[in-house]
N, C-alpha and C. Protein backbone atom coordinates (compact mmCIF):
# COMPACT_ATOMS: atom_id res chain seq x y z
N MET A 1 19.74 15.67 3.43
CA MET A 1 19.55 14.31 4.10
C MET A 1 19.83 13.26 3.16
N ILE A 2 19.28 13.27 1.84
CA ILE A 2 19.63 11.87 0.79
C ILE A 2 21.03 11.77 0.64
N ARG A 3 21.69 12.93 0.61
CA ARG A 3 23.17 12.71 0.19
C ARG A 3 23.91 12.39 1.43
N ARG A 4 23.45 12.65 2.66
CA ARG A 4 24.00 11.97 3.82
C ARG A 4 23.92 10.69 3.94
N ILE A 5 22.42 10.19 3.40
CA ILE A 5 22.27 8.71 3.53
C ILE A 5 23.17 7.90 2.52
N LEU A 6 23.11 8.34 1.12
CA LEU A 6 23.64 7.78 0.29
C LEU A 6 25.16 7.83 0.80
N THR A 7 25.79 8.84 1.20
CA THR A 7 27.40 8.70 1.74
C THR A 7 27.59 7.80 2.59
N LEU A 8 26.69 7.73 3.55
CA LEU A 8 26.81 6.63 4.62
C LEU A 8 26.72 5.18 4.10
N LEU A 9 26.07 4.98 3.21
CA LEU A 9 25.49 3.37 2.76
C LEU A 9 26.90 3.17 1.90
N ALA A 10 27.41 4.12 1.05
CA ALA A 10 28.68 3.93 0.39
C ALA A 10 29.77 3.51 1.15
N ALA A 11 29.79 4.22 2.13
CA ALA A 11 30.92 3.92 3.10
C ALA A 11 30.65 2.44 3.87
N LEU A 12 29.81 2.29 4.16
CA LEU A 12 29.44 1.09 4.94
C LEU A 12 29.73 0.15 3.87
N ALA A 13 29.45 0.37 2.67
CA ALA A 13 29.81 -1.03 1.73
C ALA A 13 31.06 -1.36 1.54
N LEU A 14 31.94 -0.24 1.84
CA LEU A 14 33.40 -0.40 1.93
C LEU A 14 33.73 -1.32 3.00
N LEU A 15 33.23 -0.92 4.17
CA LEU A 15 34.15 -1.44 5.45
C LEU A 15 34.33 -3.20 5.15
N PRO A 16 33.69 -3.90 4.81
CA PRO A 16 34.22 -5.32 4.92
C PRO A 16 35.47 -5.58 4.27
N ALA A 17 35.80 -4.61 3.16
CA ALA A 17 37.14 -4.51 2.70
C ALA A 17 38.21 -4.04 3.24
N PHE A 18 38.00 -3.02 4.03
CA PHE A 18 38.98 -2.07 4.52
C PHE A 18 38.92 -2.16 5.99
N SER A 19 37.89 -2.61 6.84
CA SER A 19 38.07 -2.87 8.05
C SER A 19 37.11 -3.86 8.59
N ALA A 20 37.42 -4.80 9.00
CA ALA A 20 36.36 -5.90 9.72
C ALA A 20 35.74 -5.76 11.04
N SER A 21 36.48 -4.90 11.56
CA SER A 21 36.26 -4.66 13.29
C SER A 21 35.32 -3.15 13.27
N ALA A 22 35.28 -2.41 12.31
CA ALA A 22 34.75 -0.97 12.70
C ALA A 22 33.20 -1.51 13.03
N ASP A 23 32.64 -0.68 13.90
CA ASP A 23 31.08 -0.60 14.04
C ASP A 23 30.72 0.70 13.84
N VAL A 24 29.42 0.55 13.43
CA VAL A 24 28.60 1.92 13.20
C VAL A 24 27.73 2.02 14.78
N ILE A 25 27.99 3.51 15.32
CA ILE A 25 27.10 3.73 16.26
C ILE A 25 26.26 5.03 15.99
N GLN A 26 25.26 5.16 17.02
CA GLN A 26 24.55 6.12 16.62
C GLN A 26 24.62 7.17 17.81
N LEU A 27 25.10 8.31 17.82
CA LEU A 27 24.92 9.27 18.97
C LEU A 27 24.07 10.27 18.51
N GLY A 28 22.97 10.07 19.41
CA GLY A 28 21.93 11.21 18.97
C GLY A 28 21.55 11.14 17.68
N ASP A 29 21.57 11.91 16.52
CA ASP A 29 21.16 11.61 15.12
C ASP A 29 22.55 11.58 14.16
N THR A 30 23.71 11.39 14.90
CA THR A 30 24.74 11.39 13.99
C THR A 30 25.33 10.09 13.95
N PRO A 31 25.40 9.34 12.73
CA PRO A 31 26.18 8.04 12.77
C PRO A 31 27.58 8.17 12.78
N CYS A 32 28.32 7.30 13.51
CA CYS A 32 29.81 7.37 13.55
C CYS A 32 30.23 5.94 13.37
N LEU A 33 31.47 6.11 12.65
CA LEU A 33 32.35 4.56 12.99
C LEU A 33 33.14 4.53 14.15
N LEU A 34 33.21 3.43 14.53
CA LEU A 34 34.02 3.29 15.97
C LEU A 34 34.92 2.28 15.79
N GLN A 35 36.04 2.26 15.46
CA GLN A 35 37.26 1.53 15.34
C GLN A 35 37.91 1.30 16.46
N PRO A 36 37.99 -0.08 16.89
CA PRO A 36 38.77 -0.49 18.00
C PRO A 36 40.37 -0.23 17.70
N ALA A 37 41.02 -0.30 19.11
CA ALA A 37 42.62 -0.07 18.87
C ALA A 37 43.30 -1.21 18.13
N ALA A 38 44.34 -0.74 17.40
CA ALA A 38 44.89 -2.12 16.59
C ALA A 38 45.89 -2.89 17.59
N GLU A 39 46.14 -2.57 18.74
CA GLU A 39 46.98 -3.20 19.49
C GLU A 39 46.42 -3.34 20.90
N GLY A 40 46.25 -4.32 21.38
CA GLY A 40 46.06 -4.44 23.06
C GLY A 40 44.36 -3.90 23.23
N ASP A 41 44.48 -3.66 24.35
CA ASP A 41 43.20 -2.99 24.58
C ASP A 41 43.04 -1.26 24.41
N GLY A 42 43.95 -0.79 23.98
CA GLY A 42 43.83 0.56 23.55
C GLY A 42 44.28 1.72 24.56
N GLY A 43 44.46 1.22 25.93
CA GLY A 43 45.21 1.97 26.83
C GLY A 43 43.98 2.81 27.37
N LEU A 44 44.41 4.19 27.53
CA LEU A 44 43.42 5.15 27.91
C LEU A 44 43.09 6.44 26.91
N ARG A 45 43.10 5.96 25.71
CA ARG A 45 43.07 7.09 24.69
C ARG A 45 41.49 6.93 23.82
N ARG A 46 41.49 8.28 23.33
CA ARG A 46 40.12 8.22 22.66
C ARG A 46 40.31 9.22 21.94
N TYR A 47 40.49 8.67 20.35
CA TYR A 47 40.89 9.59 19.21
C TYR A 47 39.30 9.92 18.34
N VAL A 48 39.11 11.16 18.35
CA VAL A 48 38.02 11.41 17.44
C VAL A 48 38.44 12.27 16.30
N LEU A 49 38.08 11.90 14.94
CA LEU A 49 38.80 12.40 13.77
C LEU A 49 37.47 13.12 12.97
N PHE A 50 37.46 14.29 12.70
CA PHE A 50 36.52 15.16 11.84
C PHE A 50 37.18 15.21 10.42
N THR A 51 36.61 14.91 9.64
CA THR A 51 37.21 14.98 8.25
C THR A 51 36.82 16.30 7.74
N GLY A 52 37.14 16.52 6.55
CA GLY A 52 36.73 17.86 5.77
C GLY A 52 35.62 17.76 4.79
N ASP A 53 35.31 18.84 4.09
CA ASP A 53 33.97 18.63 3.31
C ASP A 53 34.34 17.47 2.34
N GLY A 54 33.25 16.73 2.28
CA GLY A 54 33.22 15.94 1.52
C GLY A 54 34.35 14.55 1.79
N ASP A 55 34.87 14.51 2.83
CA ASP A 55 36.17 13.62 2.75
C ASP A 55 35.90 12.52 3.40
N TYR A 56 34.50 12.43 4.02
CA TYR A 56 34.34 11.00 4.61
C TYR A 56 34.54 9.89 3.97
N PHE A 57 34.39 9.94 2.47
CA PHE A 57 34.42 8.57 2.09
C PHE A 57 35.97 8.25 1.88
N HIS A 58 36.76 9.50 1.69
CA HIS A 58 38.15 8.99 1.55
C HIS A 58 38.76 8.40 3.07
N ALA A 59 38.11 8.91 3.87
CA ALA A 59 38.50 8.25 5.22
C ALA A 59 38.06 7.22 5.47
N VAL A 60 36.89 6.87 5.04
CA VAL A 60 36.54 5.32 5.31
C VAL A 60 37.17 4.24 4.37
N GLN A 61 37.72 4.81 2.99
CA GLN A 61 38.44 4.13 2.40
C GLN A 61 39.83 3.57 3.08
N ASN A 62 40.31 4.48 3.76
CA ASN A 62 41.61 4.47 4.41
C ASN A 62 41.58 3.96 5.57
N CYS A 63 40.28 3.50 6.14
CA CYS A 63 39.98 3.17 7.77
C CYS A 63 41.04 2.16 8.29
N ARG A 64 41.58 1.30 7.56
CA ARG A 64 42.61 0.18 8.09
C ARG A 64 43.69 0.94 8.29
N ASP A 65 44.16 1.72 7.32
CA ASP A 65 45.66 2.69 7.66
C ASP A 65 45.40 3.65 8.78
N MET A 66 43.86 4.06 9.24
CA MET A 66 44.04 4.83 10.28
C MET A 66 43.46 4.50 11.51
N THR A 67 43.41 3.19 11.77
CA THR A 67 43.16 2.61 13.06
C THR A 67 44.42 3.20 13.86
N ALA A 68 43.75 3.91 14.93
CA ALA A 68 44.74 4.16 16.19
C ALA A 68 45.39 3.00 16.68
N LEU A 69 46.56 3.20 16.91
CA LEU A 69 47.56 2.08 17.50
C LEU A 69 47.21 2.02 19.02
N ASP A 70 46.92 2.87 19.66
CA ASP A 70 46.94 2.89 21.06
C ASP A 70 45.56 3.60 21.58
N GLY A 71 44.44 3.34 20.84
CA GLY A 71 43.09 3.91 21.30
C GLY A 71 41.99 3.77 20.62
N LEU A 72 40.78 3.63 20.88
CA LEU A 72 39.39 3.61 20.02
C LEU A 72 39.52 5.08 19.12
N LEU A 73 39.05 4.82 17.84
CA LEU A 73 38.98 5.67 16.89
C LEU A 73 37.51 5.99 16.54
N LEU A 74 37.04 7.03 16.74
CA LEU A 74 35.67 7.64 16.29
C LEU A 74 35.79 8.48 14.95
N ILE A 75 34.73 8.33 14.16
CA ILE A 75 34.87 9.04 12.97
C ILE A 75 33.49 9.47 12.57
N PRO A 76 32.85 10.70 13.13
CA PRO A 76 31.50 11.02 12.89
C PRO A 76 31.42 11.08 11.21
N GLN A 77 30.33 10.60 10.95
CA GLN A 77 29.89 10.75 9.54
C GLN A 77 29.73 12.26 9.10
N GLY A 78 30.30 12.44 7.89
CA GLY A 78 29.96 13.83 7.28
C GLY A 78 30.17 13.85 5.81
N ASP A 79 29.80 15.17 5.60
CA ASP A 79 29.96 15.72 4.10
C ASP A 79 29.88 17.28 4.18
N SER A 80 30.14 17.94 2.96
CA SER A 80 30.12 19.44 3.44
C SER A 80 28.77 20.08 4.02
N SER A 81 27.84 19.47 3.80
CA SER A 81 26.50 20.02 4.41
C SER A 81 26.42 19.80 5.83
N TYR A 82 27.10 18.87 6.64
CA TYR A 82 27.18 18.58 7.72
C TYR A 82 28.21 18.95 8.36
N ILE A 83 29.48 19.19 7.95
CA ILE A 83 30.67 19.44 8.40
C ILE A 83 30.91 20.97 8.88
N ASN A 84 30.86 21.70 7.78
CA ASN A 84 30.68 23.11 7.79
C ASN A 84 30.02 23.72 8.88
N TYR A 85 30.68 24.77 9.51
CA TYR A 85 29.89 25.39 10.42
C TYR A 85 28.66 26.08 9.97
N SER A 86 27.55 25.26 10.51
CA SER A 86 26.14 25.45 10.30
C SER A 86 25.33 24.58 11.33
N SER A 87 23.77 25.04 11.18
CA SER A 87 23.17 24.61 11.99
C SER A 87 23.34 22.97 12.24
N ALA A 88 23.61 22.35 11.06
CA ALA A 88 23.94 20.98 10.84
C ALA A 88 25.08 20.44 11.56
N SER A 89 26.26 21.39 11.58
CA SER A 89 27.16 21.06 12.36
C SER A 89 27.29 21.30 14.18
N ASP A 90 26.42 22.21 14.42
CA ASP A 90 25.95 22.35 15.62
C ASP A 90 25.05 21.27 16.38
N VAL A 91 24.17 20.65 15.49
CA VAL A 91 23.77 19.32 15.73
C VAL A 91 24.70 18.33 16.23
N VAL A 92 25.41 17.87 15.38
CA VAL A 92 26.49 17.00 15.53
C VAL A 92 27.46 17.14 16.81
N ILE A 93 27.99 18.62 17.08
CA ILE A 93 28.62 18.90 18.28
C ILE A 93 27.61 18.59 19.18
N ALA A 94 26.28 19.10 19.36
CA ALA A 94 25.53 18.40 20.48
C ALA A 94 25.43 16.96 20.57
N ASP A 95 25.34 16.50 19.67
CA ASP A 95 25.12 14.69 19.79
C ASP A 95 26.36 14.18 20.22
N LEU A 96 27.63 14.67 19.78
CA LEU A 96 29.11 14.12 20.20
C LEU A 96 29.21 14.44 21.81
N PHE A 97 28.77 15.47 22.15
CA PHE A 97 29.79 16.42 23.51
C PHE A 97 29.37 15.16 24.58
N PRO A 98 28.27 14.61 25.10
CA PRO A 98 27.71 13.83 26.19
C PRO A 98 28.73 12.61 26.11
N ALA A 99 28.88 12.26 24.87
CA ALA A 99 30.01 10.52 24.93
C ALA A 99 31.19 11.33 25.00
N LEU A 100 31.89 12.36 24.65
CA LEU A 100 33.03 12.67 24.73
C LEU A 100 33.42 13.04 26.26
N ARG A 101 32.59 13.78 26.80
CA ARG A 101 32.44 14.01 28.34
C ARG A 101 32.58 12.95 29.07
N ALA A 102 31.91 12.08 28.51
CA ALA A 102 31.58 10.89 29.69
C ALA A 102 33.10 10.08 29.32
N TRP A 103 33.38 9.94 28.20
CA TRP A 103 34.83 9.25 28.19
C TRP A 103 36.02 10.06 28.94
N ALA A 104 35.83 11.23 28.81
CA ALA A 104 36.69 12.19 29.49
C ALA A 104 36.66 11.99 31.07
N GLY A 105 35.62 11.96 31.69
CA GLY A 105 35.18 11.72 32.92
C GLY A 105 35.74 10.32 33.44
N ASP A 106 35.54 9.37 32.58
CA ASP A 106 36.14 7.89 32.94
C ASP A 106 37.78 7.79 32.96
N GLY A 107 38.24 9.12 32.65
CA GLY A 107 39.84 9.02 32.71
C GLY A 107 40.66 8.85 31.25
N TYR A 108 39.84 9.05 30.08
CA TYR A 108 40.35 8.76 28.73
C TYR A 108 41.26 9.88 28.48
N GLU A 109 42.22 9.77 27.88
CA GLU A 109 42.90 10.90 27.33
C GLU A 109 42.08 11.18 26.00
N MET A 110 41.75 12.49 25.65
CA MET A 110 41.04 12.94 24.64
C MET A 110 41.87 13.47 23.42
N ILE A 111 41.66 12.96 22.43
CA ILE A 111 42.41 13.64 21.31
C ILE A 111 41.76 13.81 20.06
N LEU A 112 41.36 15.12 19.73
CA LEU A 112 40.48 15.40 18.77
C LEU A 112 41.45 15.91 17.32
N ILE A 113 41.11 15.56 16.26
CA ILE A 113 41.85 15.80 15.16
C ILE A 113 40.65 16.29 14.10
N GLY A 114 41.08 17.40 13.68
CA GLY A 114 40.13 18.22 12.71
C GLY A 114 40.85 18.80 11.36
N TYR A 115 40.59 18.00 10.23
CA TYR A 115 40.98 18.52 9.15
C TYR A 115 40.13 19.31 8.27
N SER A 116 40.73 20.44 7.69
CA SER A 116 39.67 21.22 6.84
C SER A 116 38.54 21.66 7.70
N ALA A 117 37.46 21.76 7.21
CA ALA A 117 36.38 22.14 7.90
C ALA A 117 36.04 21.32 9.28
N GLY A 118 36.59 20.26 9.12
CA GLY A 118 36.51 19.67 10.33
C GLY A 118 37.01 20.05 11.56
N GLY A 119 37.88 21.04 11.17
CA GLY A 119 38.60 21.69 12.43
C GLY A 119 37.67 22.43 13.42
N TYR A 120 36.64 23.27 12.65
CA TYR A 120 35.76 23.56 13.73
C TYR A 120 34.81 22.89 14.78
N PRO A 121 34.05 21.56 14.21
CA PRO A 121 33.71 20.66 15.46
C PRO A 121 34.61 20.37 16.50
N ALA A 122 35.84 20.03 15.96
CA ALA A 122 36.72 19.42 16.72
C ALA A 122 37.30 20.68 17.65
N THR A 123 37.51 22.09 16.99
CA THR A 123 37.60 23.13 18.16
C THR A 123 36.59 23.20 19.13
N VAL A 124 35.41 23.14 18.73
CA VAL A 124 34.19 23.72 19.43
C VAL A 124 34.19 22.58 20.78
N LEU A 125 34.38 21.23 20.34
CA LEU A 125 34.35 20.25 21.40
C LEU A 125 35.32 20.22 22.23
N ALA A 126 36.79 20.73 21.61
CA ALA A 126 37.69 20.61 22.72
C ALA A 126 37.40 21.62 23.75
N ALA A 127 36.83 23.12 23.17
CA ALA A 127 36.97 24.00 24.05
C ALA A 127 35.57 23.92 24.99
N SER A 128 34.79 23.12 25.05
CA SER A 128 33.61 22.60 25.61
C SER A 128 34.26 21.83 26.79
N LEU A 129 35.11 20.89 26.34
CA LEU A 129 35.53 19.95 27.40
C LEU A 129 36.65 20.72 28.30
N ALA A 130 37.28 21.47 27.55
CA ALA A 130 38.18 22.53 28.49
C ALA A 130 37.62 23.17 29.41
N GLU A 131 36.33 23.65 28.99
CA GLU A 131 35.17 24.45 30.18
C GLU A 131 34.83 23.82 30.95
N ALA A 132 34.56 22.31 30.79
CA ALA A 132 33.92 21.20 31.75
C ALA A 132 35.00 20.72 32.80
N GLY A 133 36.32 21.12 32.50
CA GLY A 133 37.69 20.90 33.31
C GLY A 133 38.20 19.73 32.85
N TYR A 134 38.01 19.51 31.61
CA TYR A 134 39.02 18.29 31.19
C TYR A 134 40.11 18.84 30.15
N THR A 135 41.16 18.17 30.50
CA THR A 135 42.32 18.43 29.35
C THR A 135 42.27 17.27 28.33
N GLY A 136 42.99 17.57 27.22
CA GLY A 136 43.45 16.68 26.05
C GLY A 136 44.40 17.32 25.12
N ARG A 137 44.24 16.91 23.70
CA ARG A 137 44.87 17.33 22.68
C ARG A 137 44.05 17.70 21.65
N LEU A 138 44.53 18.66 21.12
CA LEU A 138 43.56 19.41 19.79
C LEU A 138 44.47 19.33 18.39
N ILE A 139 44.41 18.67 17.64
CA ILE A 139 45.29 18.76 16.43
C ILE A 139 44.44 19.23 15.16
N LEU A 140 44.97 20.39 14.59
CA LEU A 140 44.07 20.86 13.61
C LEU A 140 45.20 20.84 12.29
N LEU A 141 44.61 20.37 11.16
CA LEU A 141 45.56 20.16 9.90
C LEU A 141 44.75 21.16 9.06
N ASP A 142 45.26 21.94 8.70
CA ASP A 142 44.82 23.29 7.93
C ASP A 142 43.26 23.50 8.23
N GLY A 143 42.96 23.64 9.52
CA GLY A 143 41.76 23.36 10.11
C GLY A 143 41.42 24.55 11.00
N ILE A 144 41.82 25.98 10.70
CA ILE A 144 41.38 26.98 11.65
C ILE A 144 40.41 27.84 10.70
N TYR A 145 39.23 28.03 11.28
CA TYR A 145 38.27 28.95 10.63
C TYR A 145 37.99 29.98 11.29
N GLY A 146 37.14 30.98 10.63
CA GLY A 146 36.84 32.41 10.89
C GLY A 146 36.07 32.69 11.85
N ASN A 147 35.19 33.56 11.42
CA ASN A 147 34.13 33.77 12.44
C ASN A 147 32.80 33.26 12.41
N TYR A 148 32.21 32.78 13.31
CA TYR A 148 30.63 32.30 13.29
C TYR A 148 29.94 32.76 14.45
N ARG A 149 28.61 33.20 14.33
CA ARG A 149 27.86 33.40 15.46
C ARG A 149 28.63 34.41 16.38
N GLY A 150 29.19 35.30 15.85
CA GLY A 150 29.68 36.35 16.64
C GLY A 150 31.18 35.98 17.45
N VAL A 151 31.46 34.58 17.12
CA VAL A 151 32.87 34.05 17.62
C VAL A 151 33.85 34.15 16.67
N ALA A 152 34.92 34.60 16.93
CA ALA A 152 36.32 34.73 16.11
C ALA A 152 37.21 33.82 16.44
N TYR A 153 37.55 32.99 15.63
CA TYR A 153 38.48 31.64 16.02
C TYR A 153 39.89 32.27 15.64
N ASN A 154 40.23 33.28 16.26
CA ASN A 154 41.46 33.57 16.08
C ASN A 154 42.42 33.26 17.37
N GLU A 155 43.59 33.72 17.43
CA GLU A 155 44.40 33.41 18.25
C GLU A 155 44.23 33.83 19.80
N ASP A 156 43.34 34.79 19.91
CA ASP A 156 42.96 35.22 21.24
C ASP A 156 41.88 34.06 21.78
N TYR A 157 41.06 33.56 20.80
CA TYR A 157 40.04 32.44 21.17
C TYR A 157 40.92 31.22 21.51
N TYR A 158 41.77 31.03 21.07
CA TYR A 158 42.49 29.75 21.32
C TYR A 158 43.32 30.22 22.59
N ARG A 159 43.65 31.21 22.91
CA ARG A 159 44.28 31.60 24.29
C ARG A 159 43.68 31.39 25.37
N ALA A 160 42.25 31.97 25.19
CA ALA A 160 41.28 31.88 26.14
C ALA A 160 40.50 30.51 26.42
N SER A 161 40.49 29.84 25.50
CA SER A 161 39.41 28.71 25.62
C SER A 161 40.14 27.46 25.43
N LEU A 162 41.39 27.43 25.13
CA LEU A 162 42.37 26.28 25.19
C LEU A 162 43.58 25.90 25.79
N SER A 163 44.08 26.91 26.49
CA SER A 163 45.28 26.95 27.00
C SER A 163 45.63 25.90 27.89
N THR A 164 44.76 25.20 28.55
CA THR A 164 45.02 24.07 29.15
C THR A 164 45.17 22.85 28.32
N TRP A 165 45.17 22.95 27.13
CA TRP A 165 45.24 21.91 26.12
C TRP A 165 46.50 21.69 25.39
N GLN A 166 46.89 20.71 24.88
CA GLN A 166 47.89 20.66 24.01
C GLN A 166 47.53 20.91 22.50
N VAL A 167 47.89 21.92 21.81
CA VAL A 167 47.16 22.05 20.58
C VAL A 167 48.16 22.10 19.61
N THR A 168 48.14 21.00 18.55
CA THR A 168 49.15 21.35 17.52
C THR A 168 48.13 21.60 16.34
N ILE A 169 49.08 22.71 15.57
CA ILE A 169 48.65 23.21 14.42
C ILE A 169 49.37 23.07 13.43
N TYR A 170 49.04 22.48 12.32
CA TYR A 170 49.70 22.20 10.99
C TYR A 170 48.98 22.69 9.93
N ALA A 171 49.73 23.53 9.13
CA ALA A 171 49.29 24.24 8.04
C ALA A 171 49.98 23.86 6.64
N SER A 172 49.32 23.87 5.56
CA SER A 172 49.85 23.86 4.47
C SER A 172 50.68 24.93 3.81
N SER A 173 51.03 25.00 2.58
CA SER A 173 51.40 26.17 2.13
C SER A 173 51.01 26.86 1.00
N GLU A 174 49.57 26.52 1.03
CA GLU A 174 48.39 27.02 -0.18
C GLU A 174 48.59 28.34 0.26
N LYS A 175 48.40 29.31 -0.96
CA LYS A 175 47.98 30.63 -0.49
C LYS A 175 46.67 31.14 -1.26
N GLY A 176 45.95 31.77 -0.88
CA GLY A 176 44.79 32.46 -1.35
C GLY A 176 43.52 31.52 -1.51
N TYR A 177 43.58 30.33 -1.74
CA TYR A 177 42.48 29.30 -1.98
C TYR A 177 43.24 27.86 -1.18
N PRO A 178 42.30 27.23 -0.71
CA PRO A 178 41.46 27.79 0.27
C PRO A 178 41.34 28.64 1.14
N PRO A 179 40.59 29.41 1.50
CA PRO A 179 40.86 30.50 2.63
C PRO A 179 41.30 29.71 3.88
N ILE A 180 41.00 28.65 4.23
CA ILE A 180 41.16 28.11 5.40
C ILE A 180 42.66 27.89 5.66
N SER A 181 43.35 27.90 4.39
CA SER A 181 44.82 27.50 4.70
C SER A 181 45.36 28.86 5.01
N ASP A 182 45.02 29.88 4.61
CA ASP A 182 45.79 30.96 4.97
C ASP A 182 45.33 31.44 6.64
N ARG A 183 44.27 31.22 6.78
CA ARG A 183 43.79 31.43 8.27
C ARG A 183 44.76 30.59 9.04
N THR A 184 45.04 29.54 8.68
CA THR A 184 45.53 28.13 9.47
C THR A 184 47.28 28.86 9.47
N GLN A 185 47.78 29.24 8.59
CA GLN A 185 48.82 29.84 8.87
C GLN A 185 49.13 31.26 9.46
N ARG A 186 48.27 31.97 9.41
CA ARG A 186 48.38 33.21 10.02
C ARG A 186 48.36 33.08 11.50
N VAL A 187 47.12 32.25 11.96
CA VAL A 187 46.67 32.00 13.45
C VAL A 187 47.68 31.08 14.04
N GLY A 188 48.37 30.14 13.26
CA GLY A 188 49.58 29.63 13.74
C GLY A 188 50.71 30.04 14.03
N ALA A 189 51.21 30.92 13.19
CA ALA A 189 52.22 31.69 13.35
C ALA A 189 52.10 32.70 14.59
N ALA A 190 50.75 33.39 14.72
CA ALA A 190 50.75 34.11 16.08
C ALA A 190 50.55 33.47 17.33
N LEU A 191 50.56 32.01 17.33
CA LEU A 191 50.36 31.30 18.52
C LEU A 191 51.65 30.46 18.50
N ALA A 192 52.76 30.46 17.51
CA ALA A 192 53.74 29.66 17.57
C ALA A 192 54.72 29.51 18.98
N ASP A 193 54.52 30.70 19.44
CA ASP A 193 55.59 30.89 20.93
C ASP A 193 54.74 30.82 22.18
N ASP A 194 53.36 30.12 21.93
CA ASP A 194 52.71 29.88 23.39
C ASP A 194 53.11 28.60 23.61
N GLU A 195 53.15 28.28 24.91
CA GLU A 195 53.60 27.15 25.21
C GLU A 195 52.69 25.98 25.04
N PHE A 196 51.39 26.01 24.93
CA PHE A 196 50.46 25.05 24.98
C PHE A 196 50.33 24.71 23.16
N VAL A 197 51.03 25.46 22.44
CA VAL A 197 50.86 25.44 21.12
C VAL A 197 52.15 24.85 20.32
N THR A 198 51.97 23.75 19.52
CA THR A 198 53.04 23.25 18.27
C THR A 198 52.55 23.87 16.98
N TYR A 199 53.45 24.64 16.53
CA TYR A 199 52.99 25.06 15.10
C TYR A 199 54.21 24.79 14.04
N HIS A 200 53.61 24.15 13.07
CA HIS A 200 54.52 23.91 11.74
C HIS A 200 53.50 24.21 10.53
N ARG A 201 54.43 24.53 9.58
CA ARG A 201 54.01 24.69 8.24
C ARG A 201 54.73 23.67 7.15
N TYR A 202 54.05 23.29 6.15
CA TYR A 202 54.86 21.86 5.22
C TYR A 202 54.43 22.48 3.97
N ALA A 203 55.41 21.93 3.19
CA ALA A 203 55.47 22.37 1.72
C ALA A 203 54.43 21.55 1.10
N MET A 204 53.41 21.46 1.57
CA MET A 204 52.09 20.65 0.83
C MET A 204 51.01 21.25 0.40
N SER A 205 50.10 20.60 -0.28
CA SER A 205 48.86 21.50 -0.46
C SER A 205 47.71 20.90 0.46
N HIS A 206 46.76 21.76 0.43
CA HIS A 206 45.50 21.42 1.43
C HIS A 206 45.04 20.32 1.41
N ASN A 207 44.93 19.47 -0.08
CA ASN A 207 44.57 18.15 0.06
C ASN A 207 45.55 17.14 0.76
N GLU A 208 46.81 17.48 0.42
CA GLU A 208 47.84 16.31 0.96
C GLU A 208 48.01 16.42 2.36
N MET A 209 47.59 17.25 2.89
CA MET A 209 47.56 17.37 4.54
C MET A 209 46.85 16.29 5.08
N ARG A 210 45.90 15.44 4.47
CA ARG A 210 45.29 14.44 4.68
C ARG A 210 46.27 13.32 5.24
N MET A 211 47.58 13.30 4.94
CA MET A 211 48.45 12.25 5.05
C MET A 211 48.83 12.05 6.54
N PHE A 212 48.36 13.16 7.40
CA PHE A 212 48.87 13.27 8.67
C PHE A 212 47.96 12.33 9.45
N TYR A 213 46.63 12.13 8.85
CA TYR A 213 45.77 11.05 9.59
C TYR A 213 46.60 10.07 10.07
N ARG A 214 47.63 9.37 9.11
CA ARG A 214 48.14 8.10 9.37
C ARG A 214 49.41 8.71 10.35
N VAL A 215 49.99 9.73 10.52
CA VAL A 215 50.94 10.20 11.19
C VAL A 215 50.27 10.24 12.79
N PHE A 216 49.43 10.76 13.00
CA PHE A 216 48.85 10.60 14.17
C PHE A 216 48.18 9.54 14.91
N LEU A 217 47.53 8.92 13.97
CA LEU A 217 46.92 7.52 14.36
C LEU A 217 47.50 6.38 14.33
N ALA A 218 48.65 6.08 13.22
CA ALA A 218 49.11 4.86 13.04
C ALA A 218 50.51 4.84 13.10
N GLY A 219 51.07 6.19 13.59
CA GLY A 219 52.57 6.06 13.63
C GLY A 219 53.47 6.38 12.49
N ALA A 220 52.84 7.03 11.14
CA ALA A 220 53.74 7.11 9.91
C ALA A 220 54.52 8.00 10.36
N GLU A 221 55.61 8.02 9.25
CA GLU A 221 56.73 9.16 9.74
C GLU A 221 56.18 10.43 9.12
N ALA A 222 56.61 11.79 9.69
CA ALA A 222 56.01 12.79 9.51
C ALA A 222 56.97 13.41 8.34
N PRO A 223 56.68 14.21 7.40
CA PRO A 223 57.78 14.74 6.61
C PRO A 223 58.14 16.12 7.39
N GLU A 224 59.47 16.85 6.80
CA GLU A 224 60.02 17.58 7.61
C GLU A 224 59.34 19.26 7.21
N PRO A 225 59.07 19.86 8.32
CA PRO A 225 58.31 21.05 8.20
C PRO A 225 59.39 22.15 7.51
N VAL A 226 58.57 23.26 6.77
CA VAL A 226 59.54 24.35 6.28
C VAL A 226 59.57 25.36 7.35
N GLU A 227 58.56 25.55 8.26
CA GLU A 227 58.55 26.43 9.35
C GLU A 227 58.11 25.68 10.64
């Protein structure tokens, strides 16, 4: 708890320098950054970015670069104790779901982005929205996890739970470590021919995959995939 508070305070101290317009909102017990759209009223899109282990500080430092061009951007506060699949992460999922469901019910296009360990809450929330009858986009950046509480997050899970969504899976070329990179490559390749999935692998490290924040949110140019 102390680590979470210190991380959030440090992040908030950076906001005046990096983004004068981001607000902090509370969803249940989960503090989140809410960044308005860079252009106009943001249309009908709501982006939700789940960062990886200990990556929230990096995300806030780059908040200006990551301002979504065409919709509001929500970044739930997190570190390794919060975002990994654990009882703490389940609390965050429960905190965010009512707000995301309300946005979806109001007609907003939901775009959930999960990097590394953030792929777990992004996937579960997308599946919950799909079960409630809403469609959207799920973007996983080296973000496919293994088994948790009896659920195997493999290709069968995505086909059963998210075939009504557009799922983008981008994998690094890391081998062996971190294990999430291997799993993302394996499951992504297994889903590559499914119509609802776009899969690419890049000649990048796991940490370098964070550059796709700006590809999806700010329109930066993506590198060429190797697969």
